[in-house]
PDB file of N, CA and C in Angstrom:
ATOM      1  N   MET A   1      14.264   9.325  22.401  1.00  0.00           N
ATOM      2  CA  MET A   1      14.465   8.462  21.260  1.00  0.00           C
ATOM      3  C   MET A   1      15.731   8.874  20.532  1.00  0.00           C
ATOM      4  N   SER A   2      16.464   7.918  20.128  1.00  0.00           N
ATOM      5  CA  SER A   2      17.679   8.210  19.376  1.00  0.00           C
ATOM      6  C   SER A   2      17.375   8.200  17.886  1.00  0.00           C
ATOM      7  N   ASN A   3      18.291   8.743  17.113  1.00  0.00           N
ATOM      8  CA  ASN A   3      18.109   8.778  15.668  1.00  0.00           C
ATOM      9  C   ASN A   3      18.226   7.395  15.045  1.00  0.00           C
ATOM     10  N   ASP A   4      18.803   6.441  15.753  1.00  0.00           N
ATOM     11  CA  ASP A   4      18.945   5.082  15.237  1.00  0.00           C
ATOM     12  C   ASP A   4      17.595   4.411  15.019  1.00  0.00           C
ATOM     13  N   GLN A   5      16.589   4.815  15.781  1.00  0.00           N
ATOM     14  CA  GLN A   5      15.277   4.204  15.663  1.00  0.00           C
ATOM     15  C   GLN A   5      14.525   4.711  14.442  1.00  0.00           C
ATOM     16  N   HIS A   6      15.002   5.778  13.823  1.00  0.00           N
ATOM     17  CA  HIS A   6      14.318   6.367  12.686  1.00  0.00           C
ATOM     18  C   HIS A   6      15.059   6.124  11.381  1.00  0.00           C
ATOM     19  N   LYS A   7      15.827   5.048  11.304  1.00  0.00           N
ATOM     20  CA  LYS A   7      16.531   4.733  10.069  1.00  0.00           C
ATOM     21  C   LYS A   7      15.516   4.381   8.992  1.00  0.00           C
ATOM     22  N   ARG A   8      15.809   4.837   7.801  1.00  0.00           N
ATOM     23  CA  ARG A   8      14.899   4.608   6.687  1.00  0.00           C
ATOM     24  C   ARG A   8      15.328   3.353   5.927  1.00  0.00           C
ATOM     25  N   GLU A   9      14.335   2.602   5.534  1.00  0.00           N
ATOM     26  CA  GLU A   9      14.557   1.407   4.736  1.00  0.00           C
ATOM     27  C   GLU A   9      14.762   1.822   3.279  1.00  0.00           C
ATOM     28  N   ASP A  10      15.438   0.989   2.529  1.00  0.00           N
ATOM     29  CA  ASP A  10      15.630   1.228   1.105  1.00  0.00           C
ATOM     30  C   ASP A  10      14.256   1.335   0.434  1.00  0.00           C
ATOM     31  N   PRO A  11      14.007   2.417  -0.329  1.00  0.00           N
ATOM     32  CA  PRO A  11      12.688   2.596  -0.955  1.00  0.00           C
ATOM     33  C   PRO A  11      12.274   1.434  -1.855  1.00  0.00           C
ATOM     34  N   ALA A  12      13.231   0.848  -2.568  1.00  0.00           N
ATOM     35  CA  ALA A  12      12.898  -0.284  -3.437  1.00  0.00           C
ATOM     36  C   ALA A  12      12.457  -1.488  -2.617  1.00  0.00           C
ATOM     37  N   ALA A  13      13.092  -1.696  -1.472  1.00  0.00           N
ATOM     38  CA  ALA A  13      12.724  -2.817  -0.603  1.00  0.00           C
ATOM     39  C   ALA A  13      11.340  -2.594   0.015  1.00  0.00           C
ATOM     40  N   THR A  14      11.068  -1.356   0.388  1.00  0.00           N
ATOM     41  CA  THR A  14       9.749  -1.028   0.951  1.00  0.00           C
ATOM     42  C   THR A  14       8.657  -1.258  -0.087  1.00  0.00           C
ATOM     43  N   LEU A  15       8.907  -0.794  -1.313  1.00  0.00           N
ATOM     44  CA  LEU A  15       7.941  -0.978  -2.396  1.00  0.00           C
ATOM     45  C   LEU A  15       7.705  -2.460  -2.670  1.00  0.00           C
ATOM     46  N   LYS A  16       8.763  -3.226  -2.715  1.00  0.00           N
ATOM     47  CA  LYS A  16       8.649  -4.665  -2.989  1.00  0.00           C
ATOM     48  C   LYS A  16       7.845  -5.365  -1.892  1.00  0.00           C
ATOM     49  N   ARG A  17       8.136  -5.010  -0.632  1.00  0.00           N
ATOM     50  CA  ARG A  17       7.437  -5.637   0.496  1.00  0.00           C
ATOM     51  C   ARG A  17       5.954  -5.272   0.497  1.00  0.00           C
ATOM     52  N   LEU A  18       5.640  -3.993   0.270  1.00  0.00           N
ATOM     53  CA  LEU A  18       4.243  -3.571   0.266  1.00  0.00           C
ATOM     54  C   LEU A  18       3.500  -4.142  -0.937  1.00  0.00           C
ATOM     55  N   ARG A  19       4.148  -4.173  -2.091  1.00  0.00           N
ATOM     56  CA  ARG A  19       3.529  -4.757  -3.290  1.00  0.00           C
ATOM     57  C   ARG A  19       3.179  -6.228  -3.045  1.00  0.00           C
ATOM     58  N   LYS A  20       4.090  -6.958  -2.405  1.00  0.00           N
ATOM     59  CA  LYS A  20       3.854  -8.379  -2.116  1.00  0.00           C
ATOM     60  C   LYS A  20       2.648  -8.546  -1.198  1.00  0.00           C
ATOM     61  N   ARG A  21       2.532  -7.683  -0.182  1.00  0.00           N
ATOM     62  CA  ARG A  21       1.402  -7.763   0.746  1.00  0.00           C
ATOM     63  C   ARG A  21       0.083  -7.465   0.034  1.00  0.00           C
ATOM     64  N   VAL A  22       0.064  -6.379  -0.720  1.00  0.00           N
ATOM     65  CA  VAL A  22      -1.183  -5.939  -1.351  1.00  0.00           C
ATOM     66  C   VAL A  22      -1.602  -6.896  -2.464  1.00  0.00           C
ATOM     67  N   LEU A  23      -0.685  -7.236  -3.354  1.00  0.00           N
ATOM     68  CA  LEU A  23      -1.035  -8.118  -4.462  1.00  0.00           C
ATOM     69  C   LEU A  23      -1.271  -9.553  -3.992  1.00  0.00           C
ATOM     70  N   GLY A  24      -0.820  -9.870  -2.786  1.00  0.00           N
ATOM     71  CA  GLY A  24      -1.076 -11.177  -2.194  1.00  0.00           C
ATOM     72  C   GLY A  24      -2.470 -11.295  -1.600  1.00  0.00           C
ATOM     73  N   GLY A  25      -3.229 -10.195  -1.616  1.00  0.00           N
ATOM     74  CA  GLY A  25      -4.608 -10.253  -1.140  1.00  0.00           C
ATOM     75  C   GLY A  25      -4.857  -9.586   0.194  1.00  0.00           C
ATOM     76  N   SER A  26      -3.839  -9.002   0.787  1.00  0.00           N
ATOM     77  CA  SER A  26      -4.020  -8.353   2.088  1.00  0.00           C
ATOM     78  C   SER A  26      -4.782  -7.047   1.957  1.00  0.00           C
ATOM     79  N   TYR A  27      -5.588  -6.767   2.949  1.00  0.00           N
ATOM     80  CA  TYR A  27      -6.225  -5.461   3.095  1.00  0.00           C
ATOM     81  C   TYR A  27      -5.384  -4.719   4.124  1.00  0.00           C
ATOM     82  N   VAL A  28      -4.593  -3.766   3.683  1.00  0.00           N
ATOM     83  CA  VAL A  28      -3.688  -3.038   4.562  1.00  0.00           C
ATOM     84  C   VAL A  28      -4.392  -1.773   5.037  1.00  0.00           C
ATOM     85  N   VAL A  29      -4.511  -1.615   6.345  1.00  0.00           N
ATOM     86  CA  VAL A  29      -5.146  -0.417   6.900  1.00  0.00           C
ATOM     87  C   VAL A  29      -4.260   0.775   6.558  1.00  0.00           C
ATOM     88  N   PHE A  30      -4.817   1.703   5.800  1.00  0.00           N
ATOM     89  CA  PHE A  30      -4.055   2.837   5.281  1.00  0.00           C
ATOM     90  C   PHE A  30      -3.467   3.680   6.404  1.00  0.00           C
ATOM     91  N   ASP A  31      -4.194   3.819   7.503  1.00  0.00           N
ATOM     92  CA  ASP A  31      -3.735   4.634   8.625  1.00  0.00           C
ATOM     93  C   ASP A  31      -2.552   4.017   9.359  1.00  0.00           C
ATOM     94  N   SER A  32      -2.276   2.738   9.144  1.00  0.00           N
ATOM     95  CA  SER A  32      -1.185   2.074   9.857  1.00  0.00           C
ATOM     96  C   SER A  32       0.134   2.112   9.098  1.00  0.00           C
ATOM     97  N   LEU A  33       0.144   2.679   7.891  1.00  0.00           N
ATOM     98  CA  LEU A  33       1.353   2.705   7.080  1.00  0.00           C
ATOM     99  C   LEU A  33       2.344   3.744   7.600  1.00  0.00           C
ATOM    100  N   THR A  34       3.631   3.412   7.523  1.00  0.00           N
ATOM    101  CA  THR A  34       4.685   4.357   7.885  1.00  0.00           C
ATOM    102  C   THR A  34       4.869   5.347   6.744  1.00  0.00           C
ATOM    103  N   ALA A  35       5.691   6.346   6.967  1.00  0.00           N
ATOM    104  CA  ALA A  35       5.946   7.360   5.930  1.00  0.00           C
ATOM    105  C   ALA A  35       6.550   6.710   4.686  1.00  0.00           C
ATOM    106  N   ASP A  36       7.475   5.785   4.858  1.00  0.00           N
ATOM    107  CA  ASP A  36       8.087   5.098   3.724  1.00  0.00           C
ATOM    108  C   ASP A  36       7.059   4.248   2.976  1.00  0.00           C
ATOM    109  N   GLU A  37       6.172   3.597   3.721  1.00  0.00           N
ATOM    110  CA  GLU A  37       5.148   2.773   3.100  1.00  0.00           C
ATOM    111  C   GLU A  37       4.110   3.628   2.374  1.00  0.00           C
ATOM    112  N   LEU A  38       3.851   4.835   2.875  1.00  0.00           N
ATOM    113  CA  LEU A  38       2.927   5.736   2.184  1.00  0.00           C
ATOM    114  C   LEU A  38       3.480   6.150   0.831  1.00  0.00           C
ATOM    115  N   VAL A  39       4.780   6.375   0.758  1.00  0.00           N
ATOM    116  CA  VAL A  39       5.408   6.711  -0.520  1.00  0.00           C
ATOM    117  C   VAL A  39       5.275   5.532  -1.475  1.00  0.00           C
ATOM    118  N   ALA A  40       5.517   4.316  -0.966  1.00  0.00           N
ATOM    119  CA  ALA A  40       5.378   3.118  -1.795  1.00  0.00           C
ATOM    120  C   ALA A  40       3.925   2.918  -2.220  1.00  0.00           C
ATOM    121  N   ALA A  41       2.980   3.182  -1.318  1.00  0.00           N
ATOM    122  CA  ALA A  41       1.556   3.053  -1.636  1.00  0.00           C
ATOM    123  C   ALA A  41       1.165   4.032  -2.739  1.00  0.00           C
ATOM    124  N   GLN A  42       1.690   5.237  -2.670  1.00  0.00           N
ATOM    125  CA  GLN A  42       1.409   6.230  -3.701  1.00  0.00           C
ATOM    126  C   GLN A  42       1.892   5.731  -5.060  1.00  0.00           C
ATOM    127  N   ASP A  43       3.059   5.118  -5.090  1.00  0.00           N
ATOM    128  CA  ASP A  43       3.603   4.568  -6.333  1.00  0.00           C
ATOM    129  C   ASP A  43       2.703   3.454  -6.873  1.00  0.00           C
ATOM    130  N   LEU A  44       2.239   2.569  -5.991  1.00  0.00           N
ATOM    131  CA  LEU A  44       1.349   1.482  -6.415  1.00  0.00           C
ATOM    132  C   LEU A  44       0.022   2.025  -6.949  1.00  0.00           C
ATOM    133  N   ILE A  45      -0.489   3.072  -6.314  1.00  0.00           N
ATOM    134  CA  ILE A  45      -1.754   3.666  -6.755  1.00  0.00           C
ATOM    135  C   ILE A  45      -1.592   4.327  -8.119  1.00  0.00           C
ATOM    136  N   PHE A  46      -0.506   5.088  -8.298  1.00  0.00           N
ATOM    137  CA  PHE A  46      -0.283   5.768  -9.573  1.00  0.00           C
ATOM    138  C   PHE A  46      -0.040   4.797 -10.717  1.00  0.00           C
ATOM    139  N   LYS A  47       0.534   3.639 -10.422  1.00  0.00           N
ATOM    140  CA  LYS A  47       0.777   2.629 -11.457  1.00  0.00           C
ATOM    141  C   LYS A  47      -0.470   1.791 -11.739  1.00  0.00           C
ATOM    142  N   GLY A  48      -1.530   1.985 -10.964  1.00  0.00           N
ATOM    143  CA  GLY A  48      -2.772   1.255 -11.177  1.00  0.00           C
ATOM    144  C   GLY A  48      -2.762  -0.144 -10.591  1.00  0.00           C
ATOM    145  N   GLU A  49      -1.820  -0.437  -9.702  1.00  0.00           N
ATOM    146  CA  GLU A  49      -1.737  -1.762  -9.091  1.00  0.00           C
ATOM    147  C   GLU A  49      -2.574  -1.864  -7.824  1.00  0.00           C
ATOM    148  N   ALA A  50      -2.872  -0.732  -7.200  1.00  0.00           N
ATOM    149  CA  ALA A  50      -3.607  -0.738  -5.930  1.00  0.00           C
ATOM    150  C   ALA A  50      -4.574   0.435  -5.917  1.00  0.00           C
ATOM    151  N   GLU A  51      -5.512   0.365  -4.982  1.00  0.00           N
ATOM    152  CA  GLU A  51      -6.479   1.436  -4.799  1.00  0.00           C
ATOM    153  C   GLU A  51      -6.859   1.506  -3.327  1.00  0.00           C
ATOM    154  N   ILE A  52      -7.443   2.618  -2.946  1.00  0.00           N
ATOM    155  CA  ILE A  52      -7.910   2.796  -1.577  1.00  0.00           C
ATOM    156  C   ILE A  52      -9.408   2.553  -1.569  1.00  0.00           C
ATOM    157  N   VAL A  53      -9.847   1.667  -0.686  1.00  0.00           N
ATOM    158  CA  VAL A  53     -11.277   1.398  -0.535  1.00  0.00           C
ATOM    159  C   VAL A  53     -11.665   1.627   0.920  1.00  0.00           C
ATOM    160  N   SER A  54     -12.918   1.966   1.121  1.00  0.00           N
ATOM    161  CA  SER A  54     -13.432   2.171   2.463  1.00  0.00           C
ATOM    162  C   SER A  54     -14.247   0.953   2.864  1.00  0.00           C
ATOM    163  N   SER A  55     -13.912   0.422   4.027  1.00  0.00           N
ATOM    164  CA  SER A  55     -14.642  -0.719   4.557  1.00  0.00           C
ATOM    165  C   SER A  55     -14.728  -0.544   6.068  1.00  0.00           C
ATOM    166  N   ALA A  56     -15.903  -0.640   6.611  1.00  0.00           N
ATOM    167  CA  ALA A  56     -16.128  -0.451   8.040  1.00  0.00           C
ATOM    168  C   ALA A  56     -15.597   0.901   8.500  1.00  0.00           C
ATOM    169  N   CYS A  57     -15.795   1.911   7.655  1.00  0.00           N
ATOM    170  CA  CYS A  57     -15.390   3.293   7.936  1.00  0.00           C
ATOM    171  C   CYS A  57     -13.878   3.457   8.114  1.00  0.00           C
ATOM    172  N   LYS A  58     -13.099   2.564   7.528  1.00  0.00           N
ATOM    173  CA  LYS A  58     -11.645   2.672   7.568  1.00  0.00           C
ATOM    174  C   LYS A  58     -11.108   2.576   6.145  1.00  0.00           C
ATOM    175  N   PRO A  59     -10.057   3.338   5.839  1.00  0.00           N
ATOM    176  CA  PRO A  59      -9.463   3.244   4.504  1.00  0.00           C
ATOM    177  C   PRO A  59      -8.472   2.080   4.433  1.00  0.00           C
ATOM    178  N   PHE A  60      -8.589   1.276   3.388  1.00  0.00           N
ATOM    179  CA  PHE A  60      -7.695   0.146   3.178  1.00  0.00           C
ATOM    180  C   PHE A  60      -7.007   0.271   1.826  1.00  0.00           C
ATOM    181  N   LEU A  61      -5.764  -0.167   1.761  1.00  0.00           N
ATOM    182  CA  LEU A  61      -5.037  -0.264   0.506  1.00  0.00           C
ATOM    183  C   LEU A  61      -5.188  -1.702   0.028  1.00  0.00           C
ATOM    184  N   VAL A  62      -5.745  -1.874  -1.165  1.00  0.00           N
ATOM    185  CA  VAL A  62      -5.999  -3.211  -1.701  1.00  0.00           C
ATOM    186  C   VAL A  62      -5.538  -3.274  -3.146  1.00  0.00           C
ATOM    187  N   ALA A  63      -5.370  -4.488  -3.648  1.00  0.00           N
ATOM    188  CA  ALA A  63      -5.003  -4.680  -5.052  1.00  0.00           C
ATOM    189  C   ALA A  63      -6.156  -4.226  -5.925  1.00  0.00           C
ATOM    190  N   LYS A  64      -5.827  -3.551  -6.997  1.00  0.00           N
ATOM    191  CA  LYS A  64      -6.849  -3.085  -7.936  1.00  0.00           C
ATOM    192  C   LYS A  64      -7.163  -4.221  -8.898  1.00  0.00           C
ATOM    193  N   LEU A  65      -8.421  -4.536  -9.012  1.00  0.00           N
ATOM    194  CA  LEU A  65      -8.869  -5.611  -9.873  1.00  0.00           C
ATOM    195  C   LEU A  65      -9.364  -5.050 -11.188  1.00  0.00           C
ATOM    196  N   ASP A  66      -9.075  -5.736 -12.262  1.00  0.00           N
ATOM    197  CA  ASP A  66      -9.609  -5.350 -13.556  1.00  0.00           C
ATOM    198  C   ASP A  66     -11.081  -5.736 -13.586  1.00  0.00           C
ATOM    199  N   ARG A  67     -11.909  -4.788 -13.906  1.00  0.00           N
ATOM    200  CA  ARG A  67     -13.345  -5.047 -13.928  1.00  0.00           C
ATOM    201  C   ARG A  67     -13.851  -4.954 -15.358  1.00  0.00           C
ATOM    202  N   VAL A  68     -14.528  -5.986 -15.788  1.00  0.00           N
ATOM    203  CA  VAL A  68     -15.116  -6.009 -17.122  1.00  0.00           C
ATOM    204  C   VAL A  68     -16.609  -6.209 -16.952  1.00  0.00           C
ATOM    205  N   ILE A  69     -17.378  -5.297 -17.507  1.00  0.00           N
ATOM    206  CA  ILE A  69     -18.836  -5.406 -17.433  1.00  0.00           C
ATOM    207  C   ILE A  69     -19.315  -5.946 -18.768  1.00  0.00           C
ATOM    208  N   ILE A  70     -20.018  -7.048 -18.708  1.00  0.00           N
ATOM    209  CA  ILE A  70     -20.555  -7.677 -19.911  1.00  0.00           C
ATOM    210  C   ILE A  70     -22.029  -7.301 -20.001  1.00  0.00           C
ATOM    211  N   ALA A  71     -22.376  -6.698 -21.110  1.00  0.00           N
ATOM    212  CA  ALA A  71     -23.763  -6.239 -21.269  1.00  0.00           C
ATOM    213  C   ALA A  71     -24.576  -7.259 -22.033  1.00  0.00           C
TER     214      ALA A  71
END
């Protein structure tokens, strides 16, 4: 493999692309994310925009929903 195949994408572009996928309703399999996407996912999680959920014994990155419990 040459080093050309390991070029890194602009972090802002990666964040924008992943944010669009997650906030658009996609369930992104956490194990399938690249190193750059993991950094972007961490940013989304820390900002409270996304969370990791387990479904069918697999971790997914999904949009975090505001939950209000009415008593």
